[in-house]
Amino acid sequence: MKKLLLFVGIITLLSCSSNEEETKTKLEVILNPPAWINGTWYSESIGNNDYGWIFTDGNAIRMNQGSEQVNIKESTTSSLNGRDYLNQQSDFVKEIILDNRYSIEIEYHDPARPSIDHEVLYEFIKISDTEIEWTTAPTSVKPLIMKKQ
């Protein structure tokens, strides 16, 4: 009986695994677009009124030609939580918010190429209450003027 109890005790000790993984806090990116930029903005120079941005409290969504959209909050939150060494949003997303300028700088991590990081800069300048300039637009039209809808 003692051998059976000893055997069960050893099996129990060996089968217990230690939880070496730390519990990592899930982080959520929060963007702070200024009130003057909130709304839907389209370029009249590119596409058929389907290329532009939607800014809301806490988010920015880039609209490409057609129906493709890139939700900046969702994509950066996903990438942020894929990095073990980041503990806060400011390690990953930086915003500049002024009366006539708004920019978002994002550092992206490519899991397929862990040694390479990518930085993306979205910068907007207020021309008027109904027009903004997307200064870093990836288009041949520079500057890209967008009108509020």
Protein backbone atom coordinates (compact mmCIF):
# COMPACT_ATOMS: atom_id res chain seq x y z
CA MET A 1 0.00 0.00 0.00
CA LYS A 2 2.88 2.38 0.82
CA LYS A 3 4.39 1.69 -2.61
CA LEU A 4 1.07 2.48 -4.28
CA LEU A 5 0.74 5.79 -2.39
CA LEU A 6 4.36 6.66 -3.16
CA PHE A 7 3.78 5.86 -6.85
CA VAL A 8 0.60 8.00 -6.97
CA GLY A 9 2.43 10.86 -5.20
CA ILE A 10 5.33 10.77 -7.66
CA ILE A 11 2.98 10.68 -10.65
CA THR A 12 1.02 13.60 -9.21
CA LEU A 13 4.18 15.67 -8.70
CA LEU A 14 5.49 14.90 -12.18
CA SER A 15 2.19 15.60 -13.90
CA CYS A 16 1.76 19.02 -12.30
CA SER A 17 3.07 21.68 -14.62
CA SER A 18 4.20 25.04 -13.42
CA ASN A 19 2.57 28.02 -14.99
CA GLU A 20 5.66 29.86 -16.16
CA GLU A 21 3.69 32.12 -18.46
CA GLU A 22 2.94 35.47 -16.94
CA THR A 23 -0.55 36.72 -17.24
CA LYS A 24 -0.22 39.56 -19.73
CA THR A 25 -2.66 42.41 -19.55
CA LYS A 26 -4.53 42.89 -22.79
CA LEU A 27 -4.09 46.42 -24.01
CA GLU A 28 -6.50 48.38 -26.17
CA VAL A 29 -5.37 51.27 -28.31
CA ILE A 30 -7.36 54.43 -27.72
CA LEU A 31 -7.07 57.17 -30.28
CA ASN A 32 -8.00 60.75 -29.52
CA PRO A 33 -8.87 62.54 -32.76
CA PRO A 34 -9.60 66.21 -32.07
CA ALA A 35 -13.19 67.41 -32.44
CA TRP A 36 -12.39 69.42 -35.58
CA ILE A 37 -11.47 66.27 -37.53
CA ASN A 38 -14.34 64.02 -36.38
CA GLY A 39 -16.56 63.01 -39.27
CA THR A 40 -16.24 61.48 -42.74
CA TRP A 41 -13.72 62.91 -45.22
CA TYR A 42 -13.38 61.99 -48.90
CA SER A 43 -10.96 62.92 -51.64
CA GLU A 44 -12.47 64.32 -54.81
CA SER A 45 -9.19 63.68 -56.66
CA ILE A 46 -9.05 59.91 -56.21
CA GLY A 47 -11.74 57.28 -56.60
CA ASN A 48 -15.47 57.80 -56.71
CA ASN A 49 -16.01 59.45 -53.36
CA ASP A 50 -14.77 56.28 -51.67
CA TYR A 51 -11.19 57.17 -50.69
CA GLY A 52 -10.76 58.92 -47.38
CA TRP A 53 -11.16 58.69 -43.61
CA ILE A 54 -13.77 58.36 -40.89
CA PHE A 55 -12.77 59.86 -37.54
CA THR A 56 -14.79 59.23 -34.41
CA ASP A 57 -14.20 59.64 -30.69
CA GLY A 58 -11.54 57.00 -30.06
CA ASN A 59 -10.95 55.72 -33.60
CA ALA A 60 -9.81 56.40 -37.16
CA ILE A 61 -10.84 54.28 -40.15
CA ARG A 62 -9.08 54.57 -43.50
CA MET A 63 -11.31 53.93 -46.51
CA ASN A 64 -9.61 52.68 -49.64
CA GLN A 65 -11.19 52.67 -53.08
CA GLY A 66 -14.08 50.26 -53.18
CA SER A 67 -15.34 48.92 -49.89
CA GLU A 68 -12.02 48.12 -48.18
CA GLN A 69 -11.56 49.74 -44.78
CA VAL A 70 -8.64 49.70 -42.36
CA ASN A 71 -9.71 50.18 -38.76
CA ILE A 72 -6.65 51.78 -37.16
CA LYS A 73 -7.78 51.06 -33.58
CA GLU A 74 -8.42 47.35 -34.23
CA SER A 75 -5.29 46.72 -36.29
CA THR A 76 -2.96 48.49 -33.86
CA THR A 77 -4.58 46.87 -30.81
CA SER A 78 -4.03 43.46 -32.40
CA SER A 79 -0.40 44.22 -33.17
CA LEU A 80 0.22 45.79 -29.75
CA ASN A 81 -0.93 42.67 -27.94
CA GLY A 82 1.38 40.54 -30.08
CA ARG A 83 4.48 42.13 -28.53
CA ASP A 84 5.81 40.86 -25.25
CA TYR A 85 7.97 43.87 -24.43
CA LEU A 86 5.32 46.55 -24.81
CA ASN A 87 3.46 47.52 -21.70
CA GLN A 88 1.54 50.58 -22.76
CA GLN A 89 0.12 52.27 -25.80
CA SER A 90 2.71 55.06 -25.79
CA ASP A 91 5.40 52.47 -26.61
CA PHE A 92 3.59 51.83 -29.88
CA VAL A 93 1.25 54.66 -30.91
CA LYS A 94 2.04 58.35 -30.68
CA GLU A 95 -0.40 61.14 -31.45
CA ILE A 96 0.14 64.84 -32.01
CA ILE A 97 -3.03 66.84 -31.44
CA LEU A 98 -3.04 70.55 -32.22
CA ASP A 99 -5.65 73.13 -33.19
CA ASN A 100 -4.86 72.63 -36.88
CA ARG A 101 -2.86 69.40 -37.05
CA TYR A 102 -3.45 65.76 -36.12
CA SER A 103 -1.00 62.92 -36.61
CA ILE A 104 -0.82 59.27 -35.66
CA GLU A 105 2.52 57.47 -35.71
CA ILE A 106 2.29 53.70 -35.42
CA GLU A 107 5.07 51.17 -35.07
CA TYR A 108 3.98 47.88 -36.63
CA HIS A 109 5.55 44.52 -35.94
CA ASP A 110 5.66 41.83 -38.62
CA PRO A 111 5.57 38.39 -36.92
CA ALA A 112 6.88 36.80 -40.12
CA ARG A 113 9.96 39.04 -39.93
CA PRO A 114 10.54 39.72 -36.23
CA SER A 115 13.73 41.69 -36.77
CA ILE A 116 11.97 44.28 -38.92
CA ASP A 117 9.67 46.96 -37.55
CA HIS A 118 7.56 49.28 -39.68
CA GLU A 119 6.50 52.81 -38.90
CA VAL A 120 3.47 54.43 -40.45
CA LEU A 121 2.66 58.10 -40.15
CA TYR A 122 -0.78 59.52 -40.85
CA GLU A 123 -0.76 63.31 -40.74
CA PHE A 124 -3.59 65.74 -41.38
CA ILE A 125 -3.68 69.53 -41.51
CA LYS A 126 -6.88 71.52 -41.11
CA ILE A 127 -7.42 73.92 -43.99
CA SER A 128 -10.96 74.93 -43.02
CA ASP A 129 -13.96 73.44 -41.23
CA THR A 130 -14.79 71.49 -44.41
CA GLU A 131 -11.32 70.69 -45.84
CA ILE A 132 -8.27 68.87 -44.55
CA GLU A 133 -4.98 67.94 -46.18
CA TRP A 134 -3.68 64.40 -45.79
CA THR A 135 0.02 65.23 -46.01
CA THR A 136 1.30 61.64 -45.88
CA ALA A 137 -1.19 60.10 -48.32
CA PRO A 138 0.32 57.18 -50.27
CA THR A 139 -0.83 58.62 -53.60
CA SER A 140 0.65 60.51 -56.49
CA VAL A 141 -1.70 63.39 -55.72
CA LYS A 142 0.18 65.58 -53.26
CA PRO A 143 -1.14 67.20 -51.21
CA LEU A 144 -4.33 65.18 -51.02
CA ILE A 145 -7.22 67.47 -50.08
CA MET A 146 -10.29 65.85 -48.54
CA LYS A 147 -13.69 67.37 -48.02
CA LYS A 148 -16.01 66.76 -45.08
CA GLN A 149 -19.21 64.96 -46.00
